[in-house]
Amino acid sequence: MLPTLSRNSHASFPNSLDSLFRSFFGPWSDGLATGNRVPPINLIEEDGQYVLEAELPGYALADVQLEVHGDRVMLSGSREDVTPESVTFRRKERQAQSFERHLQLPTEVAAEQVSACLRNGLLRVVLPVAAAAQPRQITVNG
């Protein structure tokens, strides 16, 4: 099903493009249409493991979910707007927000050894490469 747009919905157009890409390519398209990749992440490969870093300012531990399946990682979260109703805003840029990022890694990881830490708005996830995916030296016999 294709997303529908109303005449005054230009503000939601980027979300509609991402929706369209997801309908064709699944969740792994992750912002291909608009470049909208929130939160920003880095994926580093070092010492037989991948390290995923995501900027999550304002998110608490309970707001973040992380799933690992083979060579795929799904990171999601939501943050509620906790502003009292009695407040009058002169400017409001912060609001409730949710995200979902899907990443495909170059190799499978050992899901039981994955660790994650959220500190000072930075999520750091260590994803050790699965033993079966690591290169091994083969002895050639004659």
C-alpha atoms as a PDB file:
ATOM      1  CA  MET A   1       0.000   0.000   0.000  1.00  0.00           C
ATOM      2  CA  LEU A   2       1.435   3.370  -1.003  1.00  0.00           C
ATOM      3  CA  PRO A   3       1.442   6.290   1.440  1.00  0.00           C
ATOM      4  CA  THR A   4      -1.097   9.009   0.804  1.00  0.00           C
ATOM      5  CA  LEU A   5      -0.401  12.705   0.980  1.00  0.00           C
ATOM      6  CA  SER A   6      -2.850  15.502   1.551  1.00  0.00           C
ATOM      7  CA  ARG A   7      -2.413  18.892  -0.044  1.00  0.00           C
ATOM      8  CA  ASN A   8      -0.990  20.411   3.160  1.00  0.00           C
ATOM      9  CA  SER A   9       1.188  17.507   4.213  1.00  0.00           C
ATOM     10  CA  HIS A  10       4.482  18.684   2.739  1.00  0.00           C
ATOM     11  CA  ALA A  11       5.985  18.567   6.247  1.00  0.00           C
ATOM     12  CA  SER A  12       5.443  14.801   6.374  1.00  0.00           C
ATOM     13  CA  PHE A  13       6.691  14.198   2.829  1.00  0.00           C
ATOM     14  CA  PRO A  14      10.124  12.861   3.951  1.00  0.00           C
ATOM     15  CA  ASN A  15       8.386  10.312   6.204  1.00  0.00           C
ATOM     16  CA  SER A  16       6.148   9.304   3.313  1.00  0.00           C
ATOM     17  CA  LEU A  17       9.177   8.724   1.080  1.00  0.00           C
ATOM     18  CA  ASP A  18      10.781   6.545   3.714  1.00  0.00           C
ATOM     19  CA  SER A  19       7.463   4.693   4.056  1.00  0.00           C
ATOM     20  CA  LEU A  20       7.402   4.099   0.308  1.00  0.00           C
ATOM     21  CA  PHE A  21      10.950   2.705   0.323  1.00  0.00           C
ATOM     22  CA  ARG A  22      10.114   0.465   3.311  1.00  0.00           C
ATOM     23  CA  SER A  23       7.073  -0.894   1.462  1.00  0.00           C
ATOM     24  CA  PHE A  24       9.318  -2.028  -1.416  1.00  0.00           C
ATOM     25  CA  PHE A  25      12.606  -2.876   0.313  1.00  0.00           C
ATOM     26  CA  GLY A  26      11.530  -3.641   3.870  1.00  0.00           C
ATOM     27  CA  PRO A  27      12.889  -2.038   7.039  1.00  0.00           C
ATOM     28  CA  TRP A  28      16.503  -2.419   5.845  1.00  0.00           C
ATOM     29  CA  SER A  29      16.069   0.574   3.496  1.00  0.00           C
ATOM     30  CA  ASP A  30      16.366   2.776   6.633  1.00  0.00           C
ATOM     31  CA  GLY A  31      16.131   6.352   5.388  1.00  0.00           C
ATOM     32  CA  LEU A  32      17.369   5.711   1.830  1.00  0.00           C
ATOM     33  CA  ALA A  33      14.862   8.085   0.265  1.00  0.00           C
ATOM     34  CA  THR A  34      15.492  11.096   2.462  1.00  0.00           C
ATOM     35  CA  GLY A  35      18.830  10.540   4.147  1.00  0.00           C
ATOM     36  CA  ASN A  36      16.875  10.814   7.405  1.00  0.00           C
ATOM     37  CA  ARG A  37      18.974   8.653   9.659  1.00  0.00           C
ATOM     38  CA  VAL A  38      18.111   9.360  13.246  1.00  0.00           C
ATOM     39  CA  PRO A  39      19.893   8.804  15.522  1.00  0.00           C
ATOM     40  CA  PRO A  40      23.276   9.331  13.893  1.00  0.00           C
ATOM     41  CA  ILE A  41      25.494   6.280  14.294  1.00  0.00           C
ATOM     42  CA  ASN A  42      29.042   5.102  13.678  1.00  0.00           C
ATOM     43  CA  LEU A  43      29.903   1.458  13.047  1.00  0.00           C
ATOM     44  CA  ILE A  44      33.541   0.592  13.684  1.00  0.00           C
ATOM     45  CA  GLU A  45      35.331  -2.715  13.105  1.00  0.00           C
ATOM     46  CA  GLU A  46      38.199  -3.401  15.499  1.00  0.00           C
ATOM     47  CA  ASP A  47      39.868  -6.408  17.124  1.00  0.00           C
ATOM     48  CA  GLY A  48      37.412  -9.053  15.874  1.00  0.00           C
ATOM     49  CA  GLN A  49      34.312  -7.096  16.813  1.00  0.00           C
ATOM     50  CA  TYR A  50      32.054  -4.320  15.635  1.00  0.00           C
ATOM     51  CA  VAL A  51      31.364  -1.289  17.796  1.00  0.00           C
ATOM     52  CA  LEU A  52      28.136   0.594  17.187  1.00  0.00           C
ATOM     53  CA  GLU A  53      27.900   4.111  18.619  1.00  0.00           C
ATOM     54  CA  ALA A  54      24.621   6.030  18.527  1.00  0.00           C
ATOM     55  CA  GLU A  55      23.884   9.541  19.759  1.00  0.00           C
ATOM     56  CA  LEU A  56      20.844   9.377  22.056  1.00  0.00           C
ATOM     57  CA  PRO A  57      20.704  12.618  24.064  1.00  0.00           C
ATOM     58  CA  GLY A  58      17.686  12.777  26.343  1.00  0.00           C
ATOM     59  CA  TYR A  59      16.960   9.034  26.203  1.00  0.00           C
ATOM     60  CA  ALA A  60      16.882   6.932  29.375  1.00  0.00           C
ATOM     61  CA  LEU A  61      17.874   3.257  29.534  1.00  0.00           C
ATOM     62  CA  ALA A  62      14.207   2.221  29.588  1.00  0.00           C
ATOM     63  CA  ASP A  63      13.589   4.190  26.360  1.00  0.00           C
ATOM     64  CA  VAL A  64      16.002   2.141  24.218  1.00  0.00           C
ATOM     65  CA  GLN A  65      15.594  -1.363  22.742  1.00  0.00           C
ATOM     66  CA  LEU A  66      18.303  -3.356  20.984  1.00  0.00           C
ATOM     67  CA  GLU A  67      17.904  -6.661  19.117  1.00  0.00           C
ATOM     68  CA  VAL A  68      20.530  -8.772  17.373  1.00  0.00           C
ATOM     69  CA  HIS A  69      19.671 -11.544  14.901  1.00  0.00           C
ATOM     70  CA  GLY A  70      22.637 -13.112  13.094  1.00  0.00           C
ATOM     71  CA  ASP A  71      24.128 -10.273  11.044  1.00  0.00           C
ATOM     72  CA  ARG A  72      21.311  -7.806  11.692  1.00  0.00           C
ATOM     73  CA  VAL A  73      20.868  -5.218  14.412  1.00  0.00           C
ATOM     74  CA  MET A  74      17.676  -3.330  15.215  1.00  0.00           C
ATOM     75  CA  LEU A  75      17.940  -0.273  17.437  1.00  0.00           C
ATOM     76  CA  SER A  76      14.769   1.522  18.462  1.00  0.00           C
ATOM     77  CA  GLY A  77      13.593   3.934  21.093  1.00  0.00           C
ATOM     78  CA  SER A  78      11.009   6.479  22.084  1.00  0.00           C
ATOM     79  CA  ARG A  79      11.029   9.559  24.239  1.00  0.00           C
ATOM     80  CA  GLU A  80       7.898  11.151  25.674  1.00  0.00           C
ATOM     81  CA  ASP A  81       7.239  14.867  25.984  1.00  0.00           C
ATOM     82  CA  VAL A  82       7.085  15.499  29.747  1.00  0.00           C
ATOM     83  CA  THR A  83       6.302  19.209  29.610  1.00  0.00           C
ATOM     84  CA  PRO A  84       3.592  20.315  32.059  1.00  0.00           C
ATOM     85  CA  GLU A  85       0.427  21.621  30.391  1.00  0.00           C
ATOM     86  CA  SER A  86       0.601  24.872  32.378  1.00  0.00           C
ATOM     87  CA  VAL A  87       3.739  25.973  30.491  1.00  0.00           C
ATOM     88  CA  THR A  88       3.499  28.600  27.750  1.00  0.00           C
ATOM     89  CA  PHE A  89       6.118  28.138  25.067  1.00  0.00           C
ATOM     90  CA  ARG A  90       7.756  31.008  23.225  1.00  0.00           C
ATOM     91  CA  ARG A  91       9.660  28.463  21.169  1.00  0.00           C
ATOM     92  CA  LYS A  92       9.396  24.665  21.205  1.00  0.00           C
ATOM     93  CA  GLU A  93      11.808  22.496  19.253  1.00  0.00           C
ATOM     94  CA  ARG A  94      12.092  19.491  21.588  1.00  0.00           C
ATOM     95  CA  GLN A  95       9.236  17.048  21.411  1.00  0.00           C
ATOM     96  CA  ALA A  96       8.264  13.420  21.842  1.00  0.00           C
ATOM     97  CA  GLN A  97      10.255  11.343  19.406  1.00  0.00           C
ATOM     98  CA  SER A  98      10.696   7.756  18.330  1.00  0.00           C
ATOM     99  CA  PHE A  99      13.126   6.049  15.979  1.00  0.00           C
ATOM    100  CA  GLU A 100      13.971   2.674  14.535  1.00  0.00           C
ATOM    101  CA  ARG A 101      17.280   1.870  12.845  1.00  0.00           C
ATOM    102  CA  HIS A 102      18.064  -1.402  11.075  1.00  0.00           C
ATOM    103  CA  LEU A 103      21.638  -2.311  10.239  1.00  0.00           C
ATOM    104  CA  GLN A 104      23.055  -5.245   8.359  1.00  0.00           C
ATOM    105  CA  LEU A 105      26.568  -6.129   9.486  1.00  0.00           C
ATOM    106  CA  PRO A 106      29.216  -7.635   7.173  1.00  0.00           C
ATOM    107  CA  THR A 107      29.208 -10.902   9.199  1.00  0.00           C
ATOM    108  CA  GLU A 108      27.203 -12.631  11.911  1.00  0.00           C
ATOM    109  CA  VAL A 109      27.879 -11.699  15.512  1.00  0.00           C
ATOM    110  CA  ALA A 110      27.846 -13.726  18.721  1.00  0.00           C
ATOM    111  CA  ALA A 111      24.518 -12.437  20.084  1.00  0.00           C
ATOM    112  CA  GLU A 112      25.097 -13.948  23.544  1.00  0.00           C
ATOM    113  CA  GLN A 113      28.278 -11.874  23.943  1.00  0.00           C
ATOM    114  CA  VAL A 114      26.869  -8.496  22.841  1.00  0.00           C
ATOM    115  CA  SER A 115      27.140  -5.741  25.450  1.00  0.00           C
ATOM    116  CA  ALA A 116      25.692  -2.225  25.478  1.00  0.00           C
ATOM    117  CA  CYS A 117      26.165   0.864  27.623  1.00  0.00           C
ATOM    118  CA  LEU A 118      24.314   4.201  27.541  1.00  0.00           C
ATOM    119  CA  ARG A 119      26.328   7.007  29.144  1.00  0.00           C
ATOM    120  CA  ASN A 120      26.088  10.794  28.676  1.00  0.00           C
ATOM    121  CA  GLY A 121      23.761  10.445  25.677  1.00  0.00           C
ATOM    122  CA  LEU A 122      26.030   8.022  23.791  1.00  0.00           C
ATOM    123  CA  LEU A 123      25.033   4.382  23.310  1.00  0.00           C
ATOM    124  CA  ARG A 124      28.006   2.071  22.760  1.00  0.00           C
ATOM    125  CA  VAL A 125      27.259  -1.491  21.630  1.00  0.00           C
ATOM    126  CA  VAL A 126      30.059  -4.055  21.343  1.00  0.00           C
ATOM    127  CA  LEU A 127      29.197  -6.831  18.870  1.00  0.00           C
ATOM    128  CA  PRO A 128      31.806  -9.642  18.829  1.00  0.00           C
ATOM    129  CA  VAL A 129      32.084 -11.428  15.472  1.00  0.00           C
ATOM    130  CA  ALA A 130      30.735 -15.002  15.678  1.00  0.00           C
ATOM    131  CA  ALA A 131      33.451 -17.680  15.789  1.00  0.00           C
ATOM    132  CA  ALA A 132      32.048 -19.311  12.646  1.00  0.00           C
ATOM    133  CA  ALA A 133      32.457 -16.025  10.750  1.00  0.00           C
ATOM    134  CA  GLN A 134      36.092 -15.436  11.764  1.00  0.00           C
ATOM    135  CA  PRO A 135      38.814 -16.486   9.336  1.00  0.00           C
ATOM    136  CA  ARG A 136      40.872 -19.487  10.307  1.00  0.00           C
ATOM    137  CA  GLN A 137      44.146 -20.872   9.085  1.00  0.00           C
ATOM    138  CA  ILE A 138      43.824 -24.137   7.178  1.00  0.00           C
ATOM    139  CA  THR A 139      46.771 -26.515   7.013  1.00  0.00           C
ATOM    140  CA  VAL A 140      47.309 -27.906   3.534  1.00  0.00           C
ATOM    141  CA  ASN A 141      48.474 -31.503   3.524  1.00  0.00           C
ATOM    142  CA  GLY A 142      50.350 -33.169   0.697  1.00  0.00           C
END
